[in-house]
């Protein structure tokens, strides 16, 4: 027999998942009424559990970032899980679109979200280094920030130029086999050869930054 406390927790989780979906699909203008309809609960129950929409969004932010981190850590620990996540990707699609919506919101809210995103990325990078998957040089905070910005920037372009009708479809649109293979090869092989051109770039940048 389910207790009232268990039912309360189930309702709270159902509201949160409905909010994640509605925010990903409609943006943060999605109303509590829309979320309530998706969760099949009353608006009053949402305010009972979360108070305001801003509070609900903060809970969603924290939940999305934690789930993103956990998915990446699983991929580090069990590389074979990547194939499963690409095949069954509705959940990761919603998380990704939610993150893009958070960045597109701009301003201090977007900055806070990106700062917290970087914290999760650093955790994943530390696990990757410990597992022997990446070089120590990749652990520099400036490089982690650059990689995070490049990754999200590419996804933002895809989202802006070809927004999905359903957020659950975004991974299929954005992470095509060709794109993933090219991205992985670029990370593995690098871009420049050990040539005078590379050395000239480094020298010019060092001179510029010391002017």
Protein backbone atom coordinates (compact mmCIF):
# COMPACT_ATOMS: atom_id res chain seq x y z
CA UNK A 1 0.00 0.00 0.00
CA UNK A 2 1.40 3.36 -1.02
CA UNK A 3 1.71 5.94 1.73
CA UNK A 4 0.71 9.59 1.36
CA UNK A 5 4.42 10.51 1.61
CA UNK A 6 5.33 8.21 -1.28
CA UNK A 7 2.53 9.63 -3.41
CA UNK A 8 3.73 13.15 -2.55
CA UNK A 9 7.26 12.34 -3.73
CA UNK A 10 5.93 10.76 -6.92
CA UNK A 11 3.83 13.84 -7.67
CA UNK A 12 6.81 16.13 -7.02
CA UNK A 13 9.00 14.16 -9.42
CA UNK A 14 6.24 14.04 -12.05
CA UNK A 15 5.84 17.83 -11.86
CA UNK A 16 9.58 18.32 -12.23
CA UNK A 17 9.78 16.06 -15.28
CA UNK A 18 6.77 17.78 -16.84
CA UNK A 19 8.41 21.17 -16.22
CA UNK A 20 11.66 20.00 -17.84
CA UNK A 21 9.75 18.95 -20.94
CA UNK A 22 7.61 22.10 -21.14
CA UNK A 23 10.57 24.43 -20.59
CA UNK A 24 12.53 22.56 -23.28
CA UNK A 25 9.62 22.59 -25.71
CA UNK A 26 8.19 26.07 -25.08
CA UNK A 27 10.95 28.00 -23.35
CA UNK A 28 10.77 29.51 -19.88
CA UNK A 29 7.62 31.38 -20.74
CA UNK A 30 5.73 28.10 -20.29
CA UNK A 31 3.02 28.70 -17.72
CA UNK A 32 2.31 26.73 -14.57
CA UNK A 33 -1.01 25.82 -16.14
CA UNK A 34 0.77 24.26 -19.13
CA UNK A 35 3.08 22.34 -16.80
CA UNK A 36 0.13 21.21 -14.71
CA UNK A 37 -1.63 19.88 -17.80
CA UNK A 38 1.51 17.99 -18.85
CA UNK A 39 1.94 16.52 -15.36
CA UNK A 40 -1.81 15.85 -15.01
CA UNK A 41 -1.97 17.71 -11.71
CA UNK A 42 -3.47 20.97 -10.51
CA UNK A 43 -1.63 24.29 -10.44
CA UNK A 44 -2.28 24.33 -6.70
CA UNK A 45 -0.30 21.10 -6.30
CA UNK A 46 2.65 22.66 -8.16
CA UNK A 47 2.66 25.67 -5.85
CA UNK A 48 2.32 23.32 -2.87
CA UNK A 49 5.52 21.51 -3.85
CA UNK A 50 7.57 24.30 -5.43
CA UNK A 51 6.02 27.62 -4.49
CA UNK A 52 6.78 29.75 -7.56
CA UNK A 53 7.75 29.02 -11.14
CA UNK A 54 11.19 30.53 -10.44
CA UNK A 55 11.72 27.99 -7.66
CA UNK A 56 10.58 25.19 -9.95
CA UNK A 57 13.00 26.35 -12.62
CA UNK A 58 15.89 26.38 -10.13
CA UNK A 59 15.08 22.80 -9.15
CA UNK A 60 15.02 21.89 -12.85
CA UNK A 61 18.38 23.62 -13.41
CA UNK A 62 20.01 21.64 -10.62
CA UNK A 63 18.42 18.39 -11.74
CA UNK A 64 19.43 18.83 -15.38
CA UNK A 65 23.05 19.57 -14.52
CA UNK A 66 23.26 16.64 -12.11
CA UNK A 67 21.79 14.26 -14.68
CA UNK A 68 24.12 15.58 -17.37
CA UNK A 69 27.11 14.99 -15.09
CA UNK A 70 25.96 11.49 -14.19
CA UNK A 71 25.42 10.54 -17.85
CA UNK A 72 28.91 11.73 -18.74
CA UNK A 73 30.48 9.97 -15.76
CA UNK A 74 28.74 6.75 -16.80
CA UNK A 75 30.21 7.14 -20.30
CA UNK A 76 33.68 7.56 -18.77
CA UNK A 77 33.28 4.51 -16.55
CA UNK A 78 31.50 2.38 -19.16
CA UNK A 79 32.28 3.56 -22.72
CA UNK A 80 29.97 0.85 -24.07
CA UNK A 81 27.02 2.77 -22.59
CA UNK A 82 27.45 5.52 -25.20
CA UNK A 83 25.82 3.39 -27.87
CA UNK A 84 22.76 2.82 -25.70
CA UNK A 85 22.43 6.55 -24.97
CA UNK A 86 22.52 7.38 -28.68
CA UNK A 87 19.88 4.78 -29.46
CA UNK A 88 17.54 5.69 -26.60
CA UNK A 89 18.10 9.43 -26.49
CA UNK A 90 14.77 11.11 -25.71
CA UNK A 91 15.86 11.88 -22.15
CA UNK A 92 19.25 13.31 -23.14
CA UNK A 93 17.56 15.31 -25.90
CA UNK A 94 15.29 17.05 -23.41
CA UNK A 95 18.24 17.76 -21.12
CA UNK A 96 20.26 19.20 -24.00
CA UNK A 97 17.47 21.45 -25.26
CA UNK A 98 16.79 22.61 -21.71
CA UNK A 99 20.45 23.63 -21.36
CA UNK A 100 20.33 25.50 -24.66
CA UNK A 101 17.18 27.33 -23.57
CA UNK A 102 18.97 28.30 -20.35
CA UNK A 103 21.85 29.83 -22.28
CA UNK A 104 19.57 31.56 -24.77
CA UNK A 105 17.79 33.24 -21.86
CA UNK A 106 20.94 35.44 -21.61
CA UNK A 107 21.88 37.73 -18.76
CA UNK A 108 22.83 36.79 -15.19
CA UNK A 109 20.62 33.69 -15.18
CA UNK A 110 22.41 32.28 -18.21
CA UNK A 111 25.79 33.15 -16.69
CA UNK A 112 24.95 31.32 -13.46
CA UNK A 113 23.77 28.30 -15.40
CA UNK A 114 26.96 28.22 -17.49
CA UNK A 115 29.14 28.60 -14.39
CA UNK A 116 27.39 25.61 -12.79
CA UNK A 117 27.68 23.72 -16.07
CA UNK A 118 31.45 24.31 -15.98
CA UNK A 119 31.60 22.86 -12.47
CA UNK A 120 30.01 19.65 -13.75
CA UNK A 121 32.33 19.57 -16.78
CA UNK A 122 35.35 19.86 -14.48
CA UNK A 123 34.11 16.86 -12.50
CA UNK A 124 33.76 14.83 -15.70
CA UNK A 125 37.20 15.91 -16.91
CA UNK A 126 38.80 14.89 -13.62
CA UNK A 127 37.20 11.46 -13.92
CA UNK A 128 38.37 11.22 -17.55
CA UNK A 129 41.92 12.09 -16.57
CA UNK A 130 41.87 9.59 -13.70
CA UNK A 131 40.69 6.93 -16.15
CA UNK A 132 43.57 7.73 -18.51
CA UNK A 133 41.29 8.99 -21.28
CA UNK A 134 42.63 12.54 -21.66
CA UNK A 135 45.95 14.32 -21.38
CA UNK A 136 46.91 16.31 -18.30
CA UNK A 137 47.18 19.47 -20.41
CA UNK A 138 43.44 19.24 -21.10
CA UNK A 139 42.78 19.81 -17.40
CA UNK A 140 43.71 23.51 -17.51
CA UNK A 141 40.63 25.54 -16.44
CA UNK A 142 40.93 27.81 -19.49
CA UNK A 143 40.86 24.80 -21.82
CA UNK A 144 37.89 23.26 -20.05
CA UNK A 145 35.98 26.54 -20.36
CA UNK A 146 36.89 26.85 -24.04
CA UNK A 147 35.82 23.29 -24.80
CA UNK A 148 32.52 23.75 -22.96
CA UNK A 149 31.83 27.01 -24.80
CA UNK A 150 32.72 25.49 -28.18
CA UNK A 151 30.49 22.47 -27.58
CA UNK A 152 27.49 24.49 -26.46
CA UNK A 153 28.10 27.10 -29.17
CA UNK A 154 27.91 24.48 -31.89
CA UNK A 155 24.70 23.09 -30.44
CA UNK A 156 23.22 26.59 -30.17
CA UNK A 157 23.82 27.13 -33.89
CA UNK A 158 22.13 23.83 -34.70
CA UNK A 159 19.21 24.67 -32.43
CA UNK A 160 18.80 28.21 -33.79
CA UNK A 161 18.98 27.20 -37.46
CA UNK A 162 16.98 23.99 -37.22
CA UNK A 163 14.87 23.95 -34.04
CA UNK A 164 13.14 20.61 -33.42
CA UNK A 165 9.37 20.38 -33.38
CA UNK A 166 9.74 18.06 -30.39
CA UNK A 167 12.71 18.46 -27.99
CA UNK A 168 12.95 14.67 -27.77
CA UNK A 169 14.20 14.62 -31.37
CA UNK A 170 17.11 17.04 -30.96
CA UNK A 171 19.91 14.52 -30.40
CA UNK A 172 18.99 12.73 -33.62
CA UNK A 173 19.17 16.05 -35.48
CA UNK A 174 22.31 17.44 -33.87
CA UNK A 175 24.48 14.39 -33.26
CA UNK A 176 24.61 12.78 -36.65
CA UNK A 177 27.10 9.97 -37.21
CA UNK A 178 29.16 12.16 -39.55
CA UNK A 179 29.39 15.00 -37.05
CA UNK A 180 30.30 12.74 -34.15
CA UNK A 181 33.00 10.94 -36.13
CA UNK A 182 34.55 14.20 -37.33
CA UNK A 183 34.46 15.67 -33.84
CA UNK A 184 36.06 12.60 -32.28
CA UNK A 185 38.77 12.49 -34.94
CA UNK A 186 39.53 16.16 -34.35
CA UNK A 187 39.87 15.56 -30.59
CA UNK A 188 42.04 12.48 -31.18
CA UNK A 189 44.27 13.77 -33.98
CA UNK A 190 44.35 17.49 -33.28
CA UNK A 191 44.33 20.16 -35.95
CA UNK A 192 47.83 21.53 -36.54
CA UNK A 193 50.89 19.56 -37.52
CA UNK A 194 54.16 20.24 -35.69
CA UNK A 195 55.08 22.88 -38.20
CA UNK A 196 56.55 26.38 -38.33
CA UNK A 197 53.03 27.70 -38.88
CA UNK A 198 51.96 26.44 -35.46
CA UNK A 199 55.06 27.92 -33.84
CA UNK A 200 54.41 31.26 -35.53
CA UNK A 201 50.86 31.33 -34.18
CA UNK A 202 52.10 30.63 -30.65
CA UNK A 203 54.82 33.29 -30.87
CA UNK A 204 52.41 35.90 -32.26
CA UNK A 205 49.82 35.24 -29.54
CA UNK A 206 52.43 35.41 -26.76
CA UNK A 207 53.76 38.69 -28.14
CA UNK A 208 50.25 40.12 -28.45
CA UNK A 209 49.27 39.16 -24.91
CA UNK A 210 52.42 40.75 -23.47
CA UNK A 211 51.99 44.11 -25.23
